[in-house]
Amino acid sequence: RHYDTVDEGLLAVISGEIDAFVHDQPILQFHQHERFTGRVRVLP
């Protein structure tokens, strides 16, 4: 399922709409650190 922004994808994970969101690891880590700390986990 395509999302226009990383934030939209991560919000879909938080809401349970999707099980996982795939994107470049450093970008996911940046968004996790800046906006989603404690709400999502970026797997290595």
PDB file of all heavy atoms in Angstrom:
ATOM      1  N   ARG A   1       0.878  -1.174   0.000  1.00  0.00           N
ATOM      2  CA  ARG A   1       0.000   0.000   0.000  1.00  0.00           C
ATOM      3  C   ARG A   1       0.913   1.221   0.000  1.00  0.00           C
ATOM      4  O   ARG A   1       1.829   1.307   0.801  1.00  0.00           O
ATOM      5  CB  ARG A   1      -0.887  -0.006   1.245  1.00  0.00           C
ATOM      6  CG  ARG A   1      -1.896   1.121   1.242  1.00  0.00           C
ATOM      7  CD  ARG A   1      -2.803   1.062   2.440  1.00  0.00           C
ATOM      8  NE  ARG A   1      -3.528  -0.209   2.423  1.00  0.00           N
ATOM      9  CZ  ARG A   1      -4.197  -0.695   3.470  1.00  0.00           C
ATOM     10  NH1 ARG A   1      -4.212  -0.041   4.604  1.00  0.00           N
ATOM     11  NH2 ARG A   1      -4.833  -1.842   3.394  1.00  0.00           N
ATOM     12  N   HIS A   2       0.669   2.152  -0.894  1.00  0.00           N
ATOM     13  CA  HIS A   2       1.533   3.326  -1.031  1.00  0.00           C
ATOM     14  C   HIS A   2       1.039   4.469  -0.136  1.00  0.00           C
ATOM     15  O   HIS A   2      -0.157   4.715  -0.029  1.00  0.00           O
ATOM     16  CB  HIS A   2       1.533   3.796  -2.490  1.00  0.00           C
ATOM     17  CG  HIS A   2       2.371   5.005  -2.719  1.00  0.00           C
ATOM     18  ND1 HIS A   2       3.730   4.943  -2.855  1.00  0.00           N
ATOM     19  CD2 HIS A   2       2.037   6.307  -2.805  1.00  0.00           C
ATOM     20  CE1 HIS A   2       4.202   6.157  -3.018  1.00  0.00           C
ATOM     21  NE2 HIS A   2       3.190   7.006  -3.000  1.00  0.00           N
ATOM     22  N   TYR A   3       1.985   5.157   0.499  1.00  0.00           N
ATOM     23  CA  TYR A   3       1.695   6.354   1.292  1.00  0.00           C
ATOM     24  C   TYR A   3       2.537   7.497   0.743  1.00  0.00           C
ATOM     25  O   TYR A   3       3.695   7.296   0.365  1.00  0.00           O
ATOM     26  CB  TYR A   3       2.013   6.122   2.776  1.00  0.00           C
ATOM     27  CG  TYR A   3       1.054   5.148   3.405  1.00  0.00           C
ATOM     28  CD1 TYR A   3       1.317   3.779   3.378  1.00  0.00           C
ATOM     29  CD2 TYR A   3      -0.130   5.586   3.976  1.00  0.00           C
ATOM     30  CE1 TYR A   3       0.419   2.872   3.924  1.00  0.00           C
ATOM     31  CE2 TYR A   3      -1.032   4.680   4.523  1.00  0.00           C
ATOM     32  CZ  TYR A   3      -0.754   3.335   4.491  1.00  0.00           C
ATOM     33  OH  TYR A   3      -1.647   2.435   5.018  1.00  0.00           O
ATOM     34  N   ASP A   4       1.950   8.683   0.688  1.00  0.00           N
ATOM     35  CA  ASP A   4       2.639   9.827   0.097  1.00  0.00           C
ATOM     36  C   ASP A   4       3.798  10.338   0.940  1.00  0.00           C
ATOM     37  O   ASP A   4       4.752  10.896   0.411  1.00  0.00           O
ATOM     38  CB  ASP A   4       1.660  10.979  -0.166  1.00  0.00           C
ATOM     39  CG  ASP A   4       0.696  10.647  -1.299  1.00  0.00           C
ATOM     40  OD1 ASP A   4       1.087   9.893  -2.215  1.00  0.00           O
ATOM     41  OD2 ASP A   4      -0.439  11.152  -1.271  1.00  0.00           O
ATOM     42  N   THR A   5       3.720  10.173   2.252  1.00  0.00           N
ATOM     43  CA  THR A   5       4.795  10.655   3.127  1.00  0.00           C
ATOM     44  C   THR A   5       5.159   9.581   4.141  1.00  0.00           C
ATOM     45  O   THR A   5       4.366   8.675   4.426  1.00  0.00           O
ATOM     46  CB  THR A   5       4.378  11.930   3.891  1.00  0.00           C
ATOM     47  OG1 THR A   5       3.353  11.594   4.832  1.00  0.00           O
ATOM     48  CG2 THR A   5       3.895  13.028   2.951  1.00  0.00           C
ATOM     49  N   VAL A   6       6.338   9.724   4.717  1.00  0.00           N
ATOM     50  CA  VAL A   6       6.775   8.806   5.769  1.00  0.00           C
ATOM     51  C   VAL A   6       5.848   8.930   6.973  1.00  0.00           C
ATOM     52  O   VAL A   6       5.455   7.920   7.567  1.00  0.00           O
ATOM     53  CB  VAL A   6       8.241   9.090   6.156  1.00  0.00           C
ATOM     54  CG1 VAL A   6       8.655   8.282   7.376  1.00  0.00           C
ATOM     55  CG2 VAL A   6       9.166   8.800   4.981  1.00  0.00           C
ATOM     56  N   ASP A   7       5.489  10.151   7.328  1.00  0.00           N
ATOM     57  CA  ASP A   7       4.592  10.341   8.476  1.00  0.00           C
ATOM     58  C   ASP A   7       3.263   9.615   8.281  1.00  0.00           C
ATOM     59  O   ASP A   7       2.748   8.995   9.213  1.00  0.00           O
ATOM     60  CB  ASP A   7       4.339  11.833   8.727  1.00  0.00           C
ATOM     61  CG  ASP A   7       5.521  12.520   9.392  1.00  0.00           C
ATOM     62  OD1 ASP A   7       6.512  11.836   9.734  1.00  0.00           O
ATOM     63  OD2 ASP A   7       5.452  13.746   9.574  1.00  0.00           O
ATOM     64  N   GLU A   8       2.704   9.674   7.075  1.00  0.00           N
ATOM     65  CA  GLU A   8       1.447   8.967   6.801  1.00  0.00           C
ATOM     66  C   GLU A   8       1.620   7.463   7.002  1.00  0.00           C
ATOM     67  O   GLU A   8       0.751   6.800   7.568  1.00  0.00           O
ATOM     68  CB  GLU A   8       0.955   9.247   5.385  1.00  0.00           C
ATOM     69  CG  GLU A   8       0.394  10.639   5.184  1.00  0.00           C
ATOM     70  CD  GLU A   8      -0.035  10.874   3.746  1.00  0.00           C
ATOM     71  OE1 GLU A   8      -0.124   9.901   2.955  1.00  0.00           O
ATOM     72  OE2 GLU A   8      -0.273  12.051   3.406  1.00  0.00           O
ATOM     73  N   GLY A   9       2.737   6.924   6.530  1.00  0.00           N
ATOM     74  CA  GLY A   9       2.998   5.499   6.691  1.00  0.00           C
ATOM     75  C   GLY A   9       3.153   5.111   8.147  1.00  0.00           C
ATOM     76  O   GLY A   9       2.602   4.102   8.601  1.00  0.00           O
ATOM     77  N   LEU A  10       3.883   5.915   8.907  1.00  0.00           N
ATOM     78  CA  LEU A  10       4.080   5.599  10.325  1.00  0.00           C
ATOM     79  C   LEU A  10       2.788   5.755  11.117  1.00  0.00           C
ATOM     80  O   LEU A  10       2.509   4.965  12.026  1.00  0.00           O
ATOM     81  CB  LEU A  10       5.194   6.473  10.902  1.00  0.00           C
ATOM     82  CG  LEU A  10       6.583   6.187  10.317  1.00  0.00           C
ATOM     83  CD1 LEU A  10       7.609   7.162  10.876  1.00  0.00           C
ATOM     84  CD2 LEU A  10       7.006   4.752  10.566  1.00  0.00           C
ATOM     85  N   LEU A  11       1.982   6.736  10.770  1.00  0.00           N
ATOM     86  CA  LEU A  11       0.677   6.886  11.434  1.00  0.00           C
ATOM     87  C   LEU A  11      -0.222   5.687  11.127  1.00  0.00           C
ATOM     88  O   LEU A  11      -1.003   5.260  11.987  1.00  0.00           O
ATOM     89  CB  LEU A  11       0.014   8.196  11.023  1.00  0.00           C
ATOM     90  CG  LEU A  11       0.646   9.447  11.617  1.00  0.00           C
ATOM     91  CD1 LEU A  11       0.070  10.711  10.960  1.00  0.00           C
ATOM     92  CD2 LEU A  11       0.457   9.503  13.131  1.00  0.00           C
ATOM     93  N   ALA A  12      -0.096   5.125   9.925  1.00  0.00           N
ATOM     94  CA  ALA A  12      -0.886   3.938   9.575  1.00  0.00           C
ATOM     95  C   ALA A  12      -0.457   2.741  10.417  1.00  0.00           C
ATOM     96  O   ALA A  12      -1.290   1.921  10.815  1.00  0.00           O
ATOM     97  CB  ALA A  12      -0.731   3.626   8.084  1.00  0.00           C
ATOM     98  N   VAL A  13       0.817   2.650  10.734  1.00  0.00           N
ATOM     99  CA  VAL A  13       1.299   1.578  11.622  1.00  0.00           C
ATOM    100  C   VAL A  13       0.729   1.787  13.016  1.00  0.00           C
ATOM    101  O   VAL A  13       0.195   0.857  13.641  1.00  0.00           O
ATOM    102  CB  VAL A  13       2.853   1.549  11.682  1.00  0.00           C
ATOM    103  CG1 VAL A  13       3.338   0.617  12.772  1.00  0.00           C
ATOM    104  CG2 VAL A  13       3.430   1.146  10.333  1.00  0.00           C
ATOM    105  N   ILE A  14       0.819   3.005  13.529  1.00  0.00           N
ATOM    106  CA  ILE A  14       0.340   3.313  14.884  1.00  0.00           C
ATOM    107  C   ILE A  14      -1.150   3.030  15.017  1.00  0.00           C
ATOM    108  O   ILE A  14      -1.599   2.488  16.033  1.00  0.00           O
ATOM    109  CB  ILE A  14       0.662   4.777  15.244  1.00  0.00           C
ATOM    110  CG1 ILE A  14       2.189   4.938  15.390  1.00  0.00           C
ATOM    111  CG2 ILE A  14      -0.057   5.213  16.506  1.00  0.00           C
ATOM    112  CD1 ILE A  14       2.649   6.381  15.438  1.00  0.00           C
ATOM    113  N   SER A  15      -1.917   3.362  13.991  1.00  0.00           N
ATOM    114  CA  SER A  15      -3.370   3.162  14.052  1.00  0.00           C
ATOM    115  C   SER A  15      -3.773   1.711  13.836  1.00  0.00           C
ATOM    116  O   SER A  15      -4.941   1.353  14.035  1.00  0.00           O
ATOM    117  CB  SER A  15      -4.062   4.040  13.002  1.00  0.00           C
ATOM    118  OG  SER A  15      -3.823   3.528  11.696  1.00  0.00           O
ATOM    119  N   GLY A  16      -2.822   0.858  13.416  1.00  0.00           N
ATOM    120  CA  GLY A  16      -3.145  -0.544  13.156  1.00  0.00           C
ATOM    121  C   GLY A  16      -3.671  -0.783  11.755  1.00  0.00           C
ATOM    122  O   GLY A  16      -4.061  -1.902  11.420  1.00  0.00           O
ATOM    123  N   GLU A  17      -3.658   0.240  10.920  1.00  0.00           N
ATOM    124  CA  GLU A  17      -4.113   0.107   9.538  1.00  0.00           C
ATOM    125  C   GLU A  17      -3.217  -0.858   8.754  1.00  0.00           C
ATOM    126  O   GLU A  17      -3.690  -1.605   7.901  1.00  0.00           O
ATOM    127  CB  GLU A  17      -4.118   1.488   8.877  1.00  0.00           C
ATOM    128  CG  GLU A  17      -4.557   1.528   7.448  1.00  0.00           C
ATOM    129  CD  GLU A  17      -4.484   2.933   6.878  1.00  0.00           C
ATOM    130  OE1 GLU A  17      -4.680   3.921   7.615  1.00  0.00           O
ATOM    131  OE2 GLU A  17      -4.228   3.033   5.667  1.00  0.00           O
ATOM    132  N   ILE A  18      -1.917  -0.829   9.057  1.00  0.00           N
ATOM    133  CA  ILE A  18      -0.952  -1.737   8.434  1.00  0.00           C
ATOM    134  C   ILE A  18      -0.056  -2.316   9.529  1.00  0.00           C
ATOM    135  O   ILE A  18       0.032  -1.762  10.621  1.00  0.00           O
ATOM    136  CB  ILE A  18      -0.095  -1.028   7.357  1.00  0.00           C
ATOM    137  CG1 ILE A  18       0.667   0.163   7.946  1.00  0.00           C
ATOM    138  CG2 ILE A  18      -0.945  -0.620   6.170  1.00  0.00           C
ATOM    139  CD1 ILE A  18       1.622   0.851   6.969  1.00  0.00           C
ATOM    140  N   ASP A  19       0.594  -3.421   9.222  1.00  0.00           N
ATOM    141  CA  ASP A  19       1.472  -4.080  10.195  1.00  0.00           C
ATOM    142  C   ASP A  19       2.885  -3.516  10.187  1.00  0.00           C
ATOM    143  O   ASP A  19       3.581  -3.559  11.201  1.00  0.00           O
ATOM    144  CB  ASP A  19       1.544  -5.583   9.911  1.00  0.00           C
ATOM    145  CG  ASP A  19       0.203  -6.254  10.096  1.00  0.00           C
ATOM    146  OD1 ASP A  19      -0.514  -5.886  11.049  1.00  0.00           O
ATOM    147  OD2 ASP A  19      -0.130  -7.138   9.290  1.00  0.00           O
ATOM    148  N   ALA A  20       3.337  -3.036   9.033  1.00  0.00           N
ATOM    149  CA  ALA A  20       4.708  -2.538   8.915  1.00  0.00           C
ATOM    150  C   ALA A  20       4.765  -1.512   7.797  1.00  0.00           C
ATOM    151  O   ALA A  20       3.956  -1.533   6.865  1.00  0.00           O
ATOM    152  CB  ALA A  20       5.661  -3.682   8.614  1.00  0.00           C
ATOM    153  N   PHE A  21       5.736  -0.635   7.897  1.00  0.00           N
ATOM    154  CA  PHE A  21       5.980   0.377   6.868  1.00  0.00           C
ATOM    155  C   PHE A  21       7.441   0.272   6.467  1.00  0.00           C
ATOM    156  O   PHE A  21       8.324   0.279   7.330  1.00  0.00           O
ATOM    157  CB  PHE A  21       5.659   1.770   7.422  1.00  0.00           C
ATOM    158  CG  PHE A  21       5.883   2.886   6.447  1.00  0.00           C
ATOM    159  CD1 PHE A  21       5.062   3.033   5.342  1.00  0.00           C
ATOM    160  CD2 PHE A  21       6.909   3.799   6.636  1.00  0.00           C
ATOM    161  CE1 PHE A  21       5.262   4.060   4.443  1.00  0.00           C
ATOM    162  CE2 PHE A  21       7.120   4.830   5.751  1.00  0.00           C
ATOM    163  CZ  PHE A  21       6.292   4.973   4.642  1.00  0.00           C
ATOM    164  N   VAL A  22       7.712   0.153   5.179  1.00  0.00           N
ATOM    165  CA  VAL A  22       9.078  -0.035   4.681  1.00  0.00           C
ATOM    166  C   VAL A  22       9.544   1.243   3.998  1.00  0.00           C
ATOM    167  O   VAL A  22       8.844   1.804   3.147  1.00  0.00           O
ATOM    168  CB  VAL A  22       9.133  -1.212   3.681  1.00  0.00           C
ATOM    169  CG1 VAL A  22      10.523  -1.371   3.098  1.00  0.00           C
ATOM    170  CG2 VAL A  22       8.676  -2.497   4.355  1.00  0.00           C
ATOM    171  N   HIS A  23      10.729   1.688   4.393  1.00  0.00           N
ATOM    172  CA  HIS A  23      11.350   2.876   3.793  1.00  0.00           C
ATOM    173  C   HIS A  23      12.837   2.822   4.112  1.00  0.00           C
ATOM    174  O   HIS A  23      13.294   1.908   4.798  1.00  0.00           O
ATOM    175  CB  HIS A  23      10.711   4.141   4.383  1.00  0.00           C
ATOM    176  CG  HIS A  23      10.832   5.348   3.499  1.00  0.00           C
ATOM    177  ND1 HIS A  23      12.011   6.013   3.296  1.00  0.00           N
ATOM    178  CD2 HIS A  23       9.903   6.016   2.776  1.00  0.00           C
ATOM    179  CE1 HIS A  23      11.813   7.036   2.484  1.00  0.00           C
ATOM    180  NE2 HIS A  23      10.543   7.050   2.142  1.00  0.00           N
ATOM    181  N   ASP A  24      13.611   3.798   3.662  1.00  0.00           N
ATOM    182  CA  ASP A  24      15.041   3.841   3.964  1.00  0.00           C
ATOM    183  C   ASP A  24      15.250   3.957   5.464  1.00  0.00           C
ATOM    184  O   ASP A  24      14.647   4.816   6.120  1.00  0.00           O
ATOM    185  CB  ASP A  24      15.707   5.023   3.263  1.00  0.00           C
ATOM    186  CG  ASP A  24      15.694   4.891   1.750  1.00  0.00           C
ATOM    187  OD1 ASP A  24      15.475   3.772   1.262  1.00  0.00           O
ATOM    188  OD2 ASP A  24      15.912   5.904   1.071  1.00  0.00           O
ATOM    189  N   GLN A  25      16.134   3.109   6.002  1.00  0.00           N
ATOM    190  CA  GLN A  25      16.327   3.044   7.454  1.00  0.00           C
ATOM    191  C   GLN A  25      16.693   4.389   8.093  1.00  0.00           C
ATOM    192  O   GLN A  25      16.071   4.771   9.083  1.00  0.00           O
ATOM    193  CB  GLN A  25      17.359   1.980   7.808  1.00  0.00           C
ATOM    194  CG  GLN A  25      17.503   1.789   9.307  1.00  0.00           C
ATOM    195  CD  GLN A  25      18.584   0.799   9.661  1.00  0.00           C
ATOM    196  OE1 GLN A  25      19.575   0.669   8.962  1.00  0.00           O
ATOM    197  NE2 GLN A  25      18.391   0.091  10.750  1.00  0.00           N
ATOM    198  N   PRO A  26      17.665   5.147   7.567  1.00  0.00           N
ATOM    199  CA  PRO A  26      17.994   6.417   8.226  1.00  0.00           C
ATOM    200  C   PRO A  26      16.832   7.405   8.242  1.00  0.00           C
ATOM    201  O   PRO A  26      16.640   8.141   9.207  1.00  0.00           O
ATOM    202  CB  PRO A  26      19.160   6.971   7.399  1.00  0.00           C
ATOM    203  CG  PRO A  26      19.736   5.787   6.713  1.00  0.00           C
ATOM    204  CD  PRO A  26      18.595   4.844   6.485  1.00  0.00           C
ATOM    205  N   ILE A  27      16.033   7.397   7.190  1.00  0.00           N
ATOM    206  CA  ILE A  27      14.880   8.297   7.145  1.00  0.00           C
ATOM    207  C   ILE A  27      13.847   7.872   8.177  1.00  0.00           C
ATOM    208  O   ILE A  27      13.279   8.702   8.898  1.00  0.00           O
ATOM    209  CB  ILE A  27      14.288   8.355   5.721  1.00  0.00           C
ATOM    210  CG1 ILE A  27      15.307   9.007   4.789  1.00  0.00           C
ATOM    211  CG2 ILE A  27      12.958   9.097   5.711  1.00  0.00           C
ATOM    212  CD1 ILE A  27      14.958   8.932   3.334  1.00  0.00           C
ATOM    213  N   LEU A  28      13.589   6.568   8.286  1.00  0.00           N
ATOM    214  CA  LEU A  28      12.668   6.076   9.309  1.00  0.00           C
ATOM    215  C   LEU A  28      13.173   6.418  10.705  1.00  0.00           C
ATOM    216  O   LEU A  28      12.409   6.846  11.573  1.00  0.00           O
ATOM    217  CB  LEU A  28      12.473   4.563   9.189  1.00  0.00           C
ATOM    218  CG  LEU A  28      11.631   4.082   8.031  1.00  0.00           C
ATOM    219  CD1 LEU A  28      11.667   2.558   7.960  1.00  0.00           C
ATOM    220  CD2 LEU A  28      10.204   4.584   8.144  1.00  0.00           C
ATOM    221  N   GLN A  29      14.471   6.236  10.931  1.00  0.00           N
ATOM    222  CA  GLN A  29      15.030   6.541  12.246  1.00  0.00           C
ATOM    223  C   GLN A  29      14.916   8.018  12.569  1.00  0.00           C
ATOM    224  O   GLN A  29      14.641   8.383  13.711  1.00  0.00           O
ATOM    225  CB  GLN A  29      16.486   6.075  12.309  1.00  0.00           C
ATOM    226  CG  GLN A  29      16.598   4.575  12.346  1.00  0.00           C
ATOM    227  CD  GLN A  29      18.019   4.085  12.189  1.00  0.00           C
ATOM    228  OE1 GLN A  29      18.815   4.652  11.444  1.00  0.00           O
ATOM    229  NE2 GLN A  29      18.343   3.012  12.891  1.00  0.00           N
ATOM    230  N   PHE A  30      15.111   8.871  11.584  1.00  0.00           N
ATOM    231  CA  PHE A  30      14.969  10.313  11.795  1.00  0.00           C
ATOM    232  C   PHE A  30      13.538  10.640  12.211  1.00  0.00           C
ATOM    233  O   PHE A  30      13.302  11.346  13.194  1.00  0.00           O
ATOM    234  CB  PHE A  30      15.352  11.091  10.540  1.00  0.00           C
ATOM    235  CG  PHE A  30      15.074  12.562  10.658  1.00  0.00           C
ATOM    236  CD1 PHE A  30      15.944  13.377  11.361  1.00  0.00           C
ATOM    237  CD2 PHE A  30      13.941  13.115  10.089  1.00  0.00           C
ATOM    238  CE1 PHE A  30      15.688  14.740  11.490  1.00  0.00           C
ATOM    239  CE2 PHE A  30      13.678  14.474  10.211  1.00  0.00           C
ATOM    240  CZ  PHE A  30      14.554  15.288  10.915  1.00  0.00           C
ATOM    241  N   HIS A  31      12.564  10.133  11.475  1.00  0.00           N
ATOM    242  CA  HIS A  31      11.152  10.411  11.794  1.00  0.00           C
ATOM    243  C   HIS A  31      10.775   9.821  13.149  1.00  0.00           C
ATOM    244  O   HIS A  31      10.035  10.445  13.916  1.00  0.00           O
ATOM    245  CB  HIS A  31      10.232   9.889  10.692  1.00  0.00           C
ATOM    246  CG  HIS A  31      10.236  10.749   9.477  1.00  0.00           C
ATOM    247  ND1 HIS A  31       9.318  11.746   9.262  1.00  0.00           N
ATOM    248  CD2 HIS A  31      11.074  10.791   8.418  1.00  0.00           C
ATOM    249  CE1 HIS A  31       9.578  12.354   8.121  1.00  0.00           C
ATOM    250  NE2 HIS A  31      10.645  11.788   7.587  1.00  0.00           N
ATOM    251  N   GLN A  32      11.271   8.625  13.444  1.00  0.00           N
ATOM    252  CA  GLN A  32      11.006   8.028  14.759  1.00  0.00           C
ATOM    253  C   GLN A  32      11.550   8.935  15.854  1.00  0.00           C
ATOM    254  O   GLN A  32      10.859   9.223  16.832  1.00  0.00           O
ATOM    255  CB  GLN A  32      11.645   6.653  14.855  1.00  0.00           C
ATOM    256  CG  GLN A  32      11.503   6.030  16.229  1.00  0.00           C
ATOM    257  CD  GLN A  32      12.485   4.905  16.468  1.00  0.00           C
ATOM    258  OE1 GLN A  32      13.579   4.900  15.918  1.00  0.00           O
ATOM    259  NE2 GLN A  32      12.083   3.962  17.290  1.00  0.00           N
ATOM    260  N   HIS A  33      12.774   9.394  15.692  1.00  0.00           N
ATOM    261  CA  HIS A  33      13.431  10.240  16.689  1.00  0.00           C
ATOM    262  C   HIS A  33      12.731  11.595  16.836  1.00  0.00           C
ATOM    263  O   HIS A  33      12.533  12.079  17.952  1.00  0.00           O
ATOM    264  CB  HIS A  33      14.893  10.442  16.286  1.00  0.00           C
ATOM    265  CG  HIS A  33      15.649  11.372  17.162  1.00  0.00           C
ATOM    266  ND1 HIS A  33      15.922  11.104  18.483  1.00  0.00           N
ATOM    267  CD2 HIS A  33      16.204  12.579  16.904  1.00  0.00           C
ATOM    268  CE1 HIS A  33      16.601  12.103  19.002  1.00  0.00           C
ATOM    269  NE2 HIS A  33      16.785  13.012  18.065  1.00  0.00           N
ATOM    270  N   GLU A  34      12.323  12.193  15.726  1.00  0.00           N
ATOM    271  CA  GLU A  34      11.747  13.542  15.751  1.00  0.00           C
ATOM    272  C   GLU A  34      10.269  13.572  16.133  1.00  0.00           C
ATOM    273  O   GLU A  34       9.830  14.498  16.803  1.00  0.00           O
ATOM    274  CB  GLU A  34      11.924  14.207  14.374  1.00  0.00           C
ATOM    275  CG  GLU A  34      13.347  14.565  14.049  1.00  0.00           C
ATOM    276  CD  GLU A  34      13.891  15.665  14.940  1.00  0.00           C
ATOM    277  OE1 GLU A  34      13.216  16.693  15.102  1.00  0.00           O
ATOM    278  OE2 GLU A  34      15.009  15.490  15.480  1.00  0.00           O
ATOM    279  N   ARG A  35       9.481  12.588  15.674  1.00  0.00           N
ATOM    280  CA  ARG A  35       8.027  12.688  15.834  1.00  0.00           C
ATOM    281  C   ARG A  35       7.346  11.476  16.483  1.00  0.00           C
ATOM    282  O   ARG A  35       6.213  11.592  16.940  1.00  0.00           O
ATOM    283  CB  ARG A  35       7.389  12.905  14.466  1.00  0.00           C
ATOM    284  CG  ARG A  35       7.804  14.199  13.820  1.00  0.00           C
ATOM    285  CD  ARG A  35       7.076  14.384  12.492  1.00  0.00           C
ATOM    286  NE  ARG A  35       7.653  15.473  11.749  1.00  0.00           N
ATOM    287  CZ  ARG A  35       8.629  15.360  10.859  1.00  0.00           C
ATOM    288  NH1 ARG A  35       9.126  14.191  10.589  1.00  0.00           N
ATOM    289  NH2 ARG A  35       9.103  16.408  10.231  1.00  0.00           N
ATOM    290  N   PHE A  36       8.007  10.332  16.484  1.00  0.00           N
ATOM    291  CA  PHE A  36       7.308   9.114  16.884  1.00  0.00           C
ATOM    292  C   PHE A  36       8.043   8.321  17.960  1.00  0.00           C
ATOM    293  O   PHE A  36       7.866   7.107  18.066  1.00  0.00           O
ATOM    294  CB  PHE A  36       7.077   8.221  15.657  1.00  0.00           C
ATOM    295  CG  PHE A  36       6.223   8.862  14.604  1.00  0.00           C
ATOM    296  CD1 PHE A  36       6.794   9.504  13.515  1.00  0.00           C
ATOM    297  CD2 PHE A  36       4.844   8.847  14.710  1.00  0.00           C
ATOM    298  CE1 PHE A  36       6.009  10.104  12.540  1.00  0.00           C
ATOM    299  CE2 PHE A  36       4.046   9.444  13.743  1.00  0.00           C
ATOM    300  CZ  PHE A  36       4.629  10.075  12.656  1.00  0.00           C
ATOM    301  N   THR A  37       8.840   8.981  18.781  1.00  0.00           N
ATOM    302  CA  THR A  37       9.596   8.295  19.828  1.00  0.00           C
ATOM    303  C   THR A  37       8.644   7.517  20.738  1.00  0.00           C
ATOM    304  O   THR A  37       7.656   8.055  21.220  1.00  0.00           O
ATOM    305  CB  THR A  37      10.407   9.309  20.661  1.00  0.00           C
ATOM    306  OG1 THR A  37      11.311   9.979  19.787  1.00  0.00           O
ATOM    307  CG2 THR A  37      11.189   8.612  21.761  1.00  0.00           C
ATOM    308  N   GLY A  38       8.951   6.241  20.927  1.00  0.00           N
ATOM    309  CA  GLY A  38       8.132   5.397  21.790  1.00  0.00           C
ATOM    310  C   GLY A  38       6.850   4.894  21.147  1.00  0.00           C
ATOM    311  O   GLY A  38       6.124   4.107  21.744  1.00  0.00           O
ATOM    312  N   ARG A  39       6.571   5.323  19.925  1.00  0.00           N
ATOM    313  CA  ARG A  39       5.329   4.911  19.260  1.00  0.00           C
ATOM    314  C   ARG A  39       5.558   3.894  18.150  1.00  0.00           C
ATOM    315  O   ARG A  39       4.657   3.135  17.801  1.00  0.00           O
ATOM    316  CB  ARG A  39       4.610   6.144  18.710  1.00  0.00           C
ATOM    317  CG  ARG A  39       4.229   7.098  19.841  1.00  0.00           C
ATOM    318  CD  ARG A  39       3.772   8.446  19.334  1.00  0.00           C
ATOM    319  NE  ARG A  39       2.512   8.328  18.608  1.00  0.00           N
ATOM    320  CZ  ARG A  39       2.019   9.297  17.843  1.00  0.00           C
ATOM    321  NH1 ARG A  39       2.673  10.425  17.701  1.00  0.00           N
ATOM    322  NH2 ARG A  39       0.881   9.143  17.222  1.00  0.00           N
ATOM    323  N   VAL A  40       6.765   3.911  17.564  1.00  0.00           N
ATOM    324  CA  VAL A  40       7.131   2.926  16.550  1.00  0.00           C
ATOM    325  C   VAL A  40       8.558   2.473  16.821  1.00  0.00           C
ATOM    326  O   VAL A  40       9.324   3.156  17.502  1.00  0.00           O
ATOM    327  CB  VAL A  40       7.049   3.479  15.098  1.00  0.00           C
ATOM    328  CG1 VAL A  40       5.639   3.852  14.728  1.00  0.00           C
ATOM    329  CG2 VAL A  40       7.992   4.649  14.901  1.00  0.00           C
ATOM    330  N   ARG A  41       8.903   1.318  16.281  1.00  0.00           N
ATOM    331  CA  ARG A  41      10.257   0.794  16.422  1.00  0.00           C
ATOM    332  C   ARG A  41      10.790   0.479  15.029  1.00  0.00           C
ATOM    333  O   ARG A  41      10.114  -0.171  14.236  1.00  0.00           O
ATOM    334  CB  ARG A  41      10.235  -0.465  17.276  1.00  0.00           C
ATOM    335  CG  ARG A  41      11.615  -0.995  17.580  1.00  0.00           C
ATOM    336  CD  ARG A  41      11.556  -2.106  18.568  1.00  0.00           C
ATOM    337  NE  ARG A  41      10.805  -3.238  18.005  1.00  0.00           N
ATOM    338  CZ  ARG A  41      11.022  -4.493  18.322  1.00  0.00           C
ATOM    339  NH1 ARG A  41      11.889  -4.798  19.243  1.00  0.00           N
ATOM    340  NH2 ARG A  41      10.326  -5.449  17.765  1.00  0.00           N
ATOM    341  N   VAL A  42      11.996   0.948  14.748  1.00  0.00           N
ATOM    342  CA  VAL A  42      12.639   0.685  13.463  1.00  0.00           C
ATOM    343  C   VAL A  42      13.530  -0.537  13.646  1.00  0.00           C
ATOM    344  O   VAL A  42      14.426  -0.542  14.484  1.00  0.00           O
ATOM    345  CB  VAL A  42      13.469   1.898  12.992  1.00  0.00           C
ATOM    346  CG1 VAL A  42      14.179   1.578  11.685  1.00  0.00           C
ATOM    347  CG2 VAL A  42      12.575   3.135  12.845  1.00  0.00           C
ATOM    348  N   LEU A  43      13.266  -1.557  12.866  1.00  0.00           N
ATOM    349  CA  LEU A  43      14.033  -2.790  12.961  1.00  0.00           C
ATOM    350  C   LEU A  43      15.283  -2.715  12.087  1.00  0.00           C
ATOM    351  O   LEU A  43      15.249  -2.113  11.011  1.00  0.00           O
ATOM    352  CB  LEU A  43      13.176  -3.977  12.518  1.00  0.00           C
ATOM    353  CG  LEU A  43      11.888  -4.200  13.311  1.00  0.00           C
ATOM    354  CD1 LEU A  43      11.097  -5.358  12.715  1.00  0.00           C
ATOM    355  CD2 LEU A  43      12.195  -4.458  14.768  1.00  0.00           C
ATOM    356  N   PRO A  44      16.378  -3.344  12.510  1.00  0.00           N
ATOM    357  CA  PRO A  44      17.614  -3.323  11.726  1.00  0.00           C
ATOM    358  C   PRO A  44      17.595  -4.370  10.611  1.00  0.00           C
ATOM    359  O   PRO A  44      18.372  -5.320  10.604  1.00  0.00           O
ATOM    360  CB  PRO A  44      18.694  -3.628  12.764  1.00  0.00           C
ATOM    361  CG  PRO A  44      17.997  -4.485  13.766  1.00  0.00           C
ATOM    362  CD  PRO A  44      16.562  -3.976  13.815  1.00  0.00           C
TER     363      PRO A  44
END
